């Protein structure tokens, strides 16, 4: 064998060995951020997300990534288990995952990984989520003011054993309310671009700017994570995933099936995959992340998960993933009994509200509408924002319409997202779309059956069992 041929083969061998090495996984998860707040997702307020926008130019950006339930606890349970809310048991906020459920921790530990988490948890029981707790990031999402963060624990976790791959979740508390951290001087109040469904009041602008400042704090964390990976020489074998959890904790976002609540940012930078500034419109959901990590780590994805590996999509082997994405909302302790299911095929979105005669209310926003007294935090920012909407609605028809869009939901809400991305024109009563409505309604019914979902509010479910 000629020397130059040997060198070429040796190089190929080393390349294959490098490719066979299990990648590290670093996942940064925001708290209550709507994707449209980010520049790379159409955000119109400059300076909000420079690091995330840069990441979008270097990796793969998902335009149709969804969380099944736009509430913190269920969103995280889905992300960590690969199961959607009714199958993992966390179908209401603060409700525990079913005992015996496996999570990303067990799946990856079996494949030789150490699996850690720093920051916010919002899940239980510990037996399902036995993460190694990594010190350094604040966990109390309701904390006021700027909470200090220390990256030394993260660095120590990453570098503890160069021979063992790691999976680390950095779970930020930004931009969870209260919104009182970060530098708001980047934006002038009068220049802010508000989401179209919001009522333009002084309070709305004030708190939306405060919210943007916290979005920027999360963006800073994304930038620091990338710098740390480069400093440690880990960026060439670490999969970096950035997600924004569920939507902003404002009317029409978190706690709803509106797109501002369930549509999530998702950016992935995959070592060895030249995917700079690539965008995919493939439908995907949070439950797809665990199967993706298992697949990339060399494991066999369990067939009973709701999620499916995104690896073929990431590697460019396919351009499609799901035909439909599904959503659920169960008020639980968040407000009076309210139940809603929804589906999108990428263009049309149908919300099927099972309690249209009931007031829609969230205790931290309009709890006063059903007699809830917030003794813990009577001056909540989101309540002040909403109260300014009510005041404006007394003399402004558009403000009154925005309030009623939040408080009252008809049985069916159908939207053409290609023409109406903010879901302001309900097509459910339009006979031209009757076939589409019935087709999507049948899809929801089939999904509920597969999930073991009876569609009953929590008190009724308990009565049925008794």
Protein backbone atom coordinates (compact mmCIF):
# COMPACT_ATOMS: atom_id res chain seq x y z
CA UNK A 1 0.00 0.00 0.00
CA UNK A 2 1.34 3.40 -0.94
CA UNK A 3 2.06 5.77 1.93
CA UNK A 4 -0.37 8.45 0.69
CA UNK A 5 -3.17 5.87 0.44
CA UNK A 6 -2.45 4.73 3.98
CA UNK A 7 -2.64 8.32 5.24
CA UNK A 8 -5.98 8.83 3.48
CA UNK A 9 -7.41 5.61 4.97
CA UNK A 10 -6.06 6.52 8.39
CA UNK A 11 -7.76 9.89 8.11
CA UNK A 12 -11.05 8.24 7.15
CA UNK A 13 -10.74 5.86 10.09
CA UNK A 14 -10.22 8.72 12.54
CA UNK A 15 -13.16 10.55 10.98
CA UNK A 16 -15.44 7.53 11.43
CA UNK A 17 -14.29 7.12 15.03
CA UNK A 18 -15.09 10.77 15.72
CA UNK A 19 -18.53 10.38 14.17
CA UNK A 20 -19.20 7.27 16.26
CA UNK A 21 -18.47 9.15 19.51
CA UNK A 22 -21.66 9.86 21.42
CA UNK A 23 -22.45 13.58 21.31
CA UNK A 24 -23.03 15.73 24.37
CA UNK A 25 -26.39 17.46 24.66
CA UNK A 26 -26.88 20.98 26.00
CA UNK A 27 -30.48 22.17 26.10
CA UNK A 28 -31.36 25.71 27.13
CA UNK A 29 -35.01 26.15 28.07
CA UNK A 30 -36.61 29.54 28.57
CA UNK A 31 -39.63 30.24 30.77
CA UNK A 32 -42.79 31.80 29.32
CA UNK A 33 -41.40 33.31 26.11
CA UNK A 34 -43.44 33.51 22.92
CA UNK A 35 -41.44 32.69 19.79
CA UNK A 36 -42.56 35.84 17.99
CA UNK A 37 -40.68 37.91 20.57
CA UNK A 38 -37.42 36.70 19.01
CA UNK A 39 -35.93 38.43 16.00
CA UNK A 40 -35.41 35.22 14.02
CA UNK A 41 -39.13 34.44 14.50
CA UNK A 42 -40.33 37.80 13.27
CA UNK A 43 -39.89 39.84 16.45
CA UNK A 44 -40.05 43.52 15.54
CA UNK A 45 -38.37 44.97 18.63
CA UNK A 46 -34.65 45.20 17.80
CA UNK A 47 -31.97 44.12 20.24
CA UNK A 48 -34.14 41.53 21.97
CA UNK A 49 -32.36 38.31 20.91
CA UNK A 50 -28.98 38.87 19.19
CA UNK A 51 -27.42 35.58 20.35
CA UNK A 52 -30.45 33.47 19.43
CA UNK A 53 -30.69 35.23 16.08
CA UNK A 54 -27.03 34.45 15.44
CA UNK A 55 -27.65 30.83 16.36
CA UNK A 56 -30.45 30.77 13.77
CA UNK A 57 -27.86 31.71 11.16
CA UNK A 58 -25.63 28.80 12.19
CA UNK A 59 -28.11 26.00 12.74
CA UNK A 60 -31.56 24.65 12.02
CA UNK A 61 -34.64 26.70 12.93
CA UNK A 62 -38.04 25.05 13.37
CA UNK A 63 -41.02 27.19 12.39
CA UNK A 64 -43.63 24.63 13.43
CA UNK A 65 -42.43 23.31 16.78
CA UNK A 66 -45.24 23.08 19.33
CA UNK A 67 -45.75 22.31 22.98
CA UNK A 68 -48.84 20.18 23.63
CA UNK A 69 -49.98 22.24 26.60
CA UNK A 70 -48.95 25.85 27.11
CA UNK A 71 -48.40 25.64 30.84
CA UNK A 72 -45.07 25.19 32.63
CA UNK A 73 -45.57 21.84 34.39
CA UNK A 74 -47.16 19.91 31.50
CA UNK A 75 -44.73 21.46 28.99
CA UNK A 76 -41.72 20.21 30.95
CA UNK A 77 -43.23 16.80 31.60
CA UNK A 78 -43.75 16.36 27.86
CA UNK A 79 -40.24 17.56 27.06
CA UNK A 80 -38.60 15.18 29.54
CA UNK A 81 -40.75 12.06 29.03
CA UNK A 82 -41.49 12.00 25.29
CA UNK A 83 -45.17 11.53 26.22
CA UNK A 84 -48.01 13.99 25.78
CA UNK A 85 -49.97 15.28 28.80
CA UNK A 86 -52.70 12.69 29.27
CA UNK A 87 -50.32 9.78 28.80
CA UNK A 88 -47.65 11.07 31.18
CA UNK A 89 -50.27 12.19 33.70
CA UNK A 90 -49.32 15.87 33.95
CA UNK A 91 -52.29 17.31 32.10
CA UNK A 92 -52.82 20.19 34.54
CA UNK A 93 -50.31 22.61 35.97
CA UNK A 94 -48.61 21.32 39.15
CA UNK A 95 -50.00 17.81 38.56
CA UNK A 96 -47.45 15.04 39.07
CA UNK A 97 -46.30 12.70 36.34
CA UNK A 98 -47.50 9.11 36.73
CA UNK A 99 -45.31 6.96 38.95
CA UNK A 100 -43.21 4.52 36.95
CA UNK A 101 -42.93 6.81 33.92
CA UNK A 102 -39.45 6.97 32.46
CA UNK A 103 -37.80 10.25 31.60
CA UNK A 104 -34.78 11.43 29.66
CA UNK A 105 -32.67 10.74 32.74
CA UNK A 106 -33.24 6.98 32.74
CA UNK A 107 -33.13 6.69 28.95
CA UNK A 108 -29.76 8.41 28.63
CA UNK A 109 -28.18 6.99 31.77
CA UNK A 110 -28.73 3.53 30.27
CA UNK A 111 -26.70 4.72 27.29
CA UNK A 112 -23.82 5.84 29.46
CA UNK A 113 -24.68 9.51 29.98
CA UNK A 114 -24.71 11.64 33.07
CA UNK A 115 -27.85 13.79 33.01
CA UNK A 116 -28.05 17.06 34.89
CA UNK A 117 -30.27 20.07 35.34
CA UNK A 118 -29.69 23.55 36.69
CA UNK A 119 -32.33 26.17 37.35
CA UNK A 120 -36.09 25.77 37.36
CA UNK A 121 -37.56 22.30 37.86
CA UNK A 122 -41.40 22.42 38.12
CA UNK A 123 -41.90 18.67 37.95
CA UNK A 124 -42.47 15.73 40.26
CA UNK A 125 -42.09 13.05 41.48
CA UNK A 126 -38.33 12.79 41.91
CA UNK A 127 -38.40 9.09 41.05
CA UNK A 128 -39.46 9.98 37.50
CA UNK A 129 -37.00 12.86 37.23
CA UNK A 130 -33.80 11.89 39.09
CA UNK A 131 -31.69 14.60 37.47
CA UNK A 132 -28.32 15.37 38.95
CA UNK A 133 -28.89 18.84 40.35
CA UNK A 134 -26.26 21.25 39.11
CA UNK A 135 -25.76 24.37 41.22
CA UNK A 136 -25.57 27.85 39.81
CA UNK A 137 -28.91 28.92 38.30
CA UNK A 138 -31.90 30.31 40.23
CA UNK A 139 -34.91 28.02 40.46
CA UNK A 140 -37.61 30.34 41.82
CA UNK A 141 -39.40 31.70 38.76
CA UNK A 142 -41.50 34.04 40.91
CA UNK A 143 -38.46 35.78 42.37
CA UNK A 144 -38.39 39.55 42.13
CA UNK A 145 -35.47 41.45 40.69
CA UNK A 146 -32.32 40.12 39.07
CA UNK A 147 -31.23 36.73 40.40
CA UNK A 148 -27.52 35.97 40.28
CA UNK A 149 -26.25 33.01 38.28
CA UNK A 150 -22.98 31.13 38.63
CA UNK A 151 -21.64 29.15 35.68
CA UNK A 152 -18.95 27.31 37.64
CA UNK A 153 -21.28 24.40 38.44
CA UNK A 154 -22.18 24.06 34.78
CA UNK A 155 -18.52 24.08 33.78
CA UNK A 156 -17.65 21.51 36.42
CA UNK A 157 -20.46 19.21 35.27
CA UNK A 158 -19.37 19.44 31.65
CA UNK A 159 -15.70 18.73 32.33
CA UNK A 160 -15.94 16.16 35.13
CA UNK A 161 -15.14 13.18 32.92
CA UNK A 162 -13.96 13.67 29.35
CA UNK A 163 -14.74 10.02 28.57
CA UNK A 164 -18.39 10.16 29.62
CA UNK A 165 -20.92 12.07 27.49
CA UNK A 166 -23.28 14.46 29.25
CA UNK A 167 -26.76 15.84 28.81
CA UNK A 168 -27.42 19.10 30.63
CA UNK A 169 -30.61 21.15 30.80
CA UNK A 170 -30.11 24.82 31.65
CA UNK A 171 -33.57 25.94 32.73
CA UNK A 172 -33.89 29.69 32.93
CA UNK A 173 -36.49 31.59 34.93
CA UNK A 174 -36.66 34.26 32.21
CA UNK A 175 -39.12 35.63 31.16
CA UNK A 176 -41.52 34.37 33.84
CA UNK A 177 -43.47 37.09 35.65
CA UNK A 178 -42.90 39.26 37.60
CA UNK A 179 -41.19 41.24 34.89
CA UNK A 180 -38.75 43.40 36.81
CA UNK A 181 -35.27 42.24 35.77
CA UNK A 182 -33.04 43.26 32.89
CA UNK A 183 -32.24 46.49 31.12
CA UNK A 184 -35.26 48.19 29.56
CA UNK A 185 -33.30 51.16 28.20
CA UNK A 186 -32.88 49.43 24.81
CA UNK A 187 -36.47 50.22 23.86
CA UNK A 188 -38.50 53.41 23.88
CA UNK A 189 -42.06 52.83 25.04
CA UNK A 190 -43.57 54.66 22.08
CA UNK A 191 -41.50 52.60 19.61
CA UNK A 192 -42.54 49.18 20.89
CA UNK A 193 -44.29 46.83 18.48
CA UNK A 194 -47.04 45.01 20.37
CA UNK A 195 -48.65 41.73 19.30
CA UNK A 196 -51.86 42.52 17.36
CA UNK A 197 -54.16 40.76 19.84
CA UNK A 198 -53.11 43.01 22.73
CA UNK A 199 -54.79 46.21 23.88
CA UNK A 200 -52.41 49.14 23.50
CA UNK A 201 -52.39 50.79 26.94
CA UNK A 202 -49.69 52.46 29.00
CA UNK A 203 -49.56 49.44 31.31
CA UNK A 204 -49.34 47.04 28.35
CA UNK A 205 -46.37 48.91 26.93
CA UNK A 206 -44.69 49.19 30.32
CA UNK A 207 -44.90 45.51 31.15
CA UNK A 208 -44.23 44.33 27.60
CA UNK A 209 -40.96 46.26 27.67
CA UNK A 210 -40.11 44.70 31.03
CA UNK A 211 -40.89 41.31 29.51
CA UNK A 212 -38.58 42.00 26.55
CA UNK A 213 -35.78 42.86 28.98
CA UNK A 214 -36.16 39.39 30.51
CA UNK A 215 -36.21 37.79 27.07
CA UNK A 216 -32.87 39.51 26.53
CA UNK A 217 -31.58 38.00 29.79
CA UNK A 218 -32.37 34.53 28.45
CA UNK A 219 -30.68 35.47 25.19
CA UNK A 220 -27.59 36.48 27.20
CA UNK A 221 -27.57 33.02 28.76
CA UNK A 222 -27.63 31.42 25.31
CA UNK A 223 -24.62 33.51 24.32
CA UNK A 224 -22.72 32.63 27.49
CA UNK A 225 -23.42 28.93 26.94
CA UNK A 226 -21.94 29.07 23.45
CA UNK A 227 -18.86 30.92 24.68
CA UNK A 228 -18.38 28.29 27.41
CA UNK A 229 -18.64 25.41 24.95
CA UNK A 230 -15.98 27.03 22.76
CA UNK A 231 -13.74 27.79 25.74
CA UNK A 232 -13.89 24.17 26.90
CA UNK A 233 -13.39 22.79 23.37
CA UNK A 234 -16.72 21.00 23.54
CA UNK A 235 -18.55 22.78 20.73
CA UNK A 236 -17.41 20.28 18.08
CA UNK A 237 -19.18 17.36 19.80
CA UNK A 238 -22.09 19.01 21.62
CA UNK A 239 -25.61 19.28 20.26
CA UNK A 240 -26.99 22.67 21.27
CA UNK A 241 -30.79 23.04 21.50
CA UNK A 242 -32.57 26.26 22.45
CA UNK A 243 -36.32 26.28 23.19
CA UNK A 244 -38.66 28.89 24.67
CA UNK A 245 -41.09 26.64 26.59
CA UNK A 246 -44.70 27.92 26.31
CA UNK A 247 -45.82 31.41 25.39
CA UNK A 248 -45.64 34.63 27.37
CA UNK A 249 -47.63 34.70 30.60
CA UNK A 250 -50.04 37.29 29.22
CA UNK A 251 -53.58 37.09 27.85
CA UNK A 252 -53.67 34.97 24.71
CA UNK A 253 -50.34 33.23 25.39
CA UNK A 254 -49.63 30.81 28.22
CA UNK A 255 -52.73 28.93 29.47
CA UNK A 256 -54.32 28.92 26.00
CA UNK A 257 -54.28 26.96 22.76
CA UNK A 258 -53.64 30.09 20.73
CA UNK A 259 -50.46 30.00 18.69
CA UNK A 260 -48.92 32.70 20.89
CA UNK A 261 -49.03 30.07 23.62
CA UNK A 262 -48.32 26.71 21.95
CA UNK A 263 -45.97 27.62 19.08
CA UNK A 264 -42.42 27.32 20.36
CA UNK A 265 -39.06 28.52 19.19
CA UNK A 266 -36.64 25.67 18.56
CA UNK A 267 -33.11 26.08 17.25
CA UNK A 268 -30.65 23.22 16.94
CA UNK A 269 -26.95 23.39 16.18
CA UNK A 270 -25.74 19.89 15.38
CA UNK A 271 -21.97 19.27 15.16
CA UNK A 272 -20.88 17.90 11.84
CA UNK A 273 -24.09 18.96 10.12
CA UNK A 274 -23.61 21.95 7.86
CA UNK A 275 -27.04 23.42 8.43
CA UNK A 276 -26.25 27.12 8.61
CA UNK A 277 -29.39 29.28 8.41
CA UNK A 278 -31.57 26.33 7.43
CA UNK A 279 -35.28 26.49 8.18
CA UNK A 280 -37.76 23.63 8.39
CA UNK A 281 -41.53 23.96 8.28
CA UNK A 282 -41.99 20.33 9.37
CA UNK A 283 -44.51 19.88 12.20
CA UNK A 284 -42.87 18.79 15.45
CA UNK A 285 -43.75 18.69 19.15
CA UNK A 286 -41.90 18.76 22.47
CA UNK A 287 -42.34 15.02 22.90
CA UNK A 288 -40.03 14.55 19.89
CA UNK A 289 -36.95 15.77 21.77
CA UNK A 290 -36.40 12.70 23.99
CA UNK A 291 -36.57 10.24 21.05
CA UNK A 292 -34.14 12.47 19.16
CA UNK A 293 -31.62 12.36 22.00
CA UNK A 294 -31.97 8.59 22.37
CA UNK A 295 -31.52 8.10 18.63
CA UNK A 296 -28.48 10.37 18.46
CA UNK A 297 -26.92 8.60 21.46
CA UNK A 298 -27.15 5.27 19.66
CA UNK A 299 -30.12 3.86 21.54
CA UNK A 300 -33.34 2.31 20.32
CA UNK A 301 -36.33 4.62 20.63
CA UNK A 302 -39.16 2.94 22.60
CA UNK A 303 -42.17 2.33 20.40
CA UNK A 304 -44.65 3.46 23.06
CA UNK A 305 -43.49 7.07 23.14
CA UNK A 306 -45.66 9.77 21.58
CA UNK A 307 -42.54 11.45 20.25
CA UNK A 308 -40.59 10.56 17.13
CA UNK A 309 -36.92 11.15 16.47
CA UNK A 310 -36.11 14.34 14.59
CA UNK A 311 -32.72 13.00 13.54
CA UNK A 312 -33.74 12.09 9.95
CA UNK A 313 -35.03 15.64 9.57
CA UNK A 314 -31.89 17.17 11.09
CA UNK A 315 -29.61 15.09 8.87
CA UNK A 316 -31.57 16.09 5.77
CA UNK A 317 -32.89 12.60 5.07
CA UNK A 318 -36.49 13.86 5.03
CA UNK A 319 -38.36 17.15 4.96
CA UNK A 320 -41.51 16.00 6.73
CA UNK A 321 -42.18 14.75 10.24
CA UNK A 322 -45.82 14.93 11.41
CA UNK A 323 -49.09 15.43 9.58
CA UNK A 324 -50.70 17.19 12.53
CA UNK A 325 -49.84 18.64 15.93
CA UNK A 326 -52.25 18.43 18.88
CA UNK A 327 -52.90 20.60 21.92
CA UNK A 328 -54.75 20.43 25.19
CA UNK A 329 -55.77 22.83 27.92
CA UNK A 330 -57.18 21.84 31.29
CA UNK A 331 -57.61 24.68 33.76
CA UNK A 332 -57.08 22.59 36.89
CA UNK A 333 -56.17 24.92 39.73
CA UNK A 334 -55.47 27.79 37.34
CA UNK A 335 -59.11 28.85 37.13
CA UNK A 336 -62.75 27.70 36.90
CA UNK A 337 -63.29 24.43 35.00
CA UNK A 338 -62.38 24.92 31.36
CA UNK A 339 -61.42 22.24 28.82
CA UNK A 340 -60.15 22.72 25.29
CA UNK A 341 -58.45 20.57 22.65
CA UNK A 342 -56.90 21.72 19.38
CA UNK A 343 -55.08 20.56 16.26
CA UNK A 344 -53.19 22.08 13.36
CA UNK A 345 -52.16 20.62 10.04
CA UNK A 346 -49.72 23.44 9.46
CA UNK A 347 -52.23 25.67 7.74
CA UNK A 348 -55.54 25.36 9.55
CA UNK A 349 -55.98 25.34 13.30
CA UNK A 350 -59.11 24.13 15.08
CA UNK A 351 -59.83 24.72 18.76
CA UNK A 352 -62.62 22.60 20.17
CA UNK A 353 -63.80 24.08 23.47
CA UNK A 354 -65.82 21.61 25.54
CA UNK A 355 -67.03 24.22 28.03
CA UNK A 356 -68.11 27.17 25.82
CA UNK A 357 -70.73 28.22 28.32
CA UNK A 358 -68.08 28.73 30.98
CA UNK A 359 -66.07 31.86 31.63
CA UNK A 360 -62.43 31.47 30.64
CA UNK A 361 -60.33 32.78 33.48
CA UNK A 362 -56.82 32.38 34.83
CA UNK A 363 -56.48 33.16 38.51
CA UNK A 364 -53.31 35.25 38.14
CA UNK A 365 -54.85 37.35 35.33
CA UNK A 366 -58.58 37.72 35.95
CA UNK A 367 -59.21 35.66 39.05
CA UNK A 368 -61.42 38.46 40.33
CA UNK A 369 -63.92 37.45 37.63
CA UNK A 370 -64.71 34.28 39.60
CA UNK A 371 -64.06 35.46 43.15
CA UNK A 372 -60.41 34.49 43.49
CA UNK A 373 -58.46 36.69 45.89
CA UNK A 374 -54.72 36.72 45.31
CA UNK A 375 -53.34 37.24 48.80
CA UNK A 376 -49.91 35.95 47.74
CA UNK A 377 -49.24 38.61 45.12
CA UNK A 378 -52.11 41.14 44.86
CA UNK A 379 -50.06 43.46 42.63
CA UNK A 380 -49.25 40.91 39.93
CA UNK A 381 -47.97 42.58 36.81
CA UNK A 382 -50.16 40.61 34.41
CA UNK A 383 -53.26 41.51 36.42
CA UNK A 384 -52.37 45.19 36.25
CA UNK A 385 -51.94 44.81 32.50
CA UNK A 386 -55.32 43.09 32.11
CA UNK A 387 -57.09 45.63 34.30
CA UNK A 388 -55.84 48.36 31.97
CA UNK A 389 -57.52 46.44 29.13
CA UNK A 390 -60.81 46.41 31.03
CA UNK A 391 -60.58 50.14 31.59
CA UNK A 392 -59.89 50.76 27.89
CA UNK A 393 -62.77 48.44 26.92
CA UNK A 394 -65.29 50.77 28.57
CA UNK A 395 -64.86 53.26 25.73
CA UNK A 396 -63.07 51.36 22.96
CA UNK A 397 -64.78 48.65 20.88
CA UNK A 398 -61.48 47.11 19.75
CA UNK A 399 -60.34 46.81 23.36
CA UNK A 400 -63.66 45.21 24.30
CA UNK A 401 -63.22 42.68 21.46
CA UNK A 402 -59.72 41.82 22.72
CA UNK A 403 -61.04 41.29 26.24
CA UNK A 404 -63.85 39.05 25.03
CA UNK A 405 -61.43 37.07 22.84
CA UNK A 406 -59.67 36.15 26.07
CA UNK A 407 -62.71 35.64 28.33
CA UNK A 408 -65.18 33.84 26.05
CA UNK A 409 -64.52 30.95 23.69
CA UNK A 410 -67.19 29.48 21.40
CA UNK A 411 -67.36 25.73 20.94
CA UNK A 412 -65.29 25.88 17.74
CA UNK A 413 -62.57 28.28 16.67
CA UNK A 414 -61.11 27.71 13.20
CA UNK A 415 -58.27 29.76 11.79
CA UNK A 416 -56.36 29.83 8.53
CA UNK A 417 -52.86 30.43 9.88
CA UNK A 418 -51.47 31.16 6.42
CA UNK A 419 -53.66 34.28 6.22
CA UNK A 420 -54.38 34.94 9.89
CA UNK A 421 -51.32 33.98 12.00
CA UNK A 422 -52.63 35.90 15.02
CA UNK A 423 -55.93 34.00 14.97
CA UNK A 424 -58.22 37.02 14.90
CA UNK A 425 -60.84 35.79 12.38
CA UNK A 426 -62.83 32.74 13.43
CA UNK A 427 -63.94 30.78 10.33
CA UNK A 428 -65.94 28.15 12.22
CA UNK A 429 -69.33 29.52 11.11
CA UNK A 430 -68.25 29.96 7.50
CA UNK A 431 -69.85 27.14 5.42
CA UNK A 432 -66.92 27.27 3.01
CA UNK A 433 -64.76 25.68 5.71
CA UNK A 434 -67.28 23.16 7.09
CA UNK A 435 -65.44 20.14 5.65
CA UNK A 436 -62.13 21.34 7.08
CA UNK A 437 -63.71 21.82 10.51
CA UNK A 438 -65.22 18.34 10.57
CA UNK A 439 -62.01 16.73 9.36
CA UNK A 440 -59.96 18.42 12.08
CA UNK A 441 -62.63 17.66 14.68
CA UNK A 442 -62.40 13.96 13.80
CA UNK A 443 -58.62 14.17 14.16
CA UNK A 444 -58.97 15.61 17.66
CA UNK A 445 -61.43 12.87 18.65
CA UNK A 446 -59.07 10.15 17.40
CA UNK A 447 -56.12 11.71 19.24
CA UNK A 448 -58.10 11.94 22.47
CA UNK A 449 -58.98 8.26 22.21
CA UNK A 450 -55.34 7.34 21.64
CA UNK A 451 -54.34 9.45 24.66
CA UNK A 452 -57.01 8.06 26.98
CA UNK A 453 -58.44 11.56 27.31
CA UNK A 454 -62.08 11.77 28.44
CA UNK A 455 -62.28 15.53 27.90
CA UNK A 456 -63.71 16.16 31.35
CA UNK A 457 -62.65 18.97 33.70
CA UNK A 458 -60.85 17.85 36.83
CA UNK A 459 -63.82 17.86 39.30
CA UNK A 460 -66.01 15.89 36.86
CA UNK A 461 -63.21 13.40 36.27
CA UNK A 462 -62.96 12.77 40.00
CA UNK A 463 -66.73 12.32 40.33
CA UNK A 464 -66.74 9.86 37.44
CA UNK A 465 -64.11 7.69 39.16
CA UNK A 466 -66.04 7.71 42.40
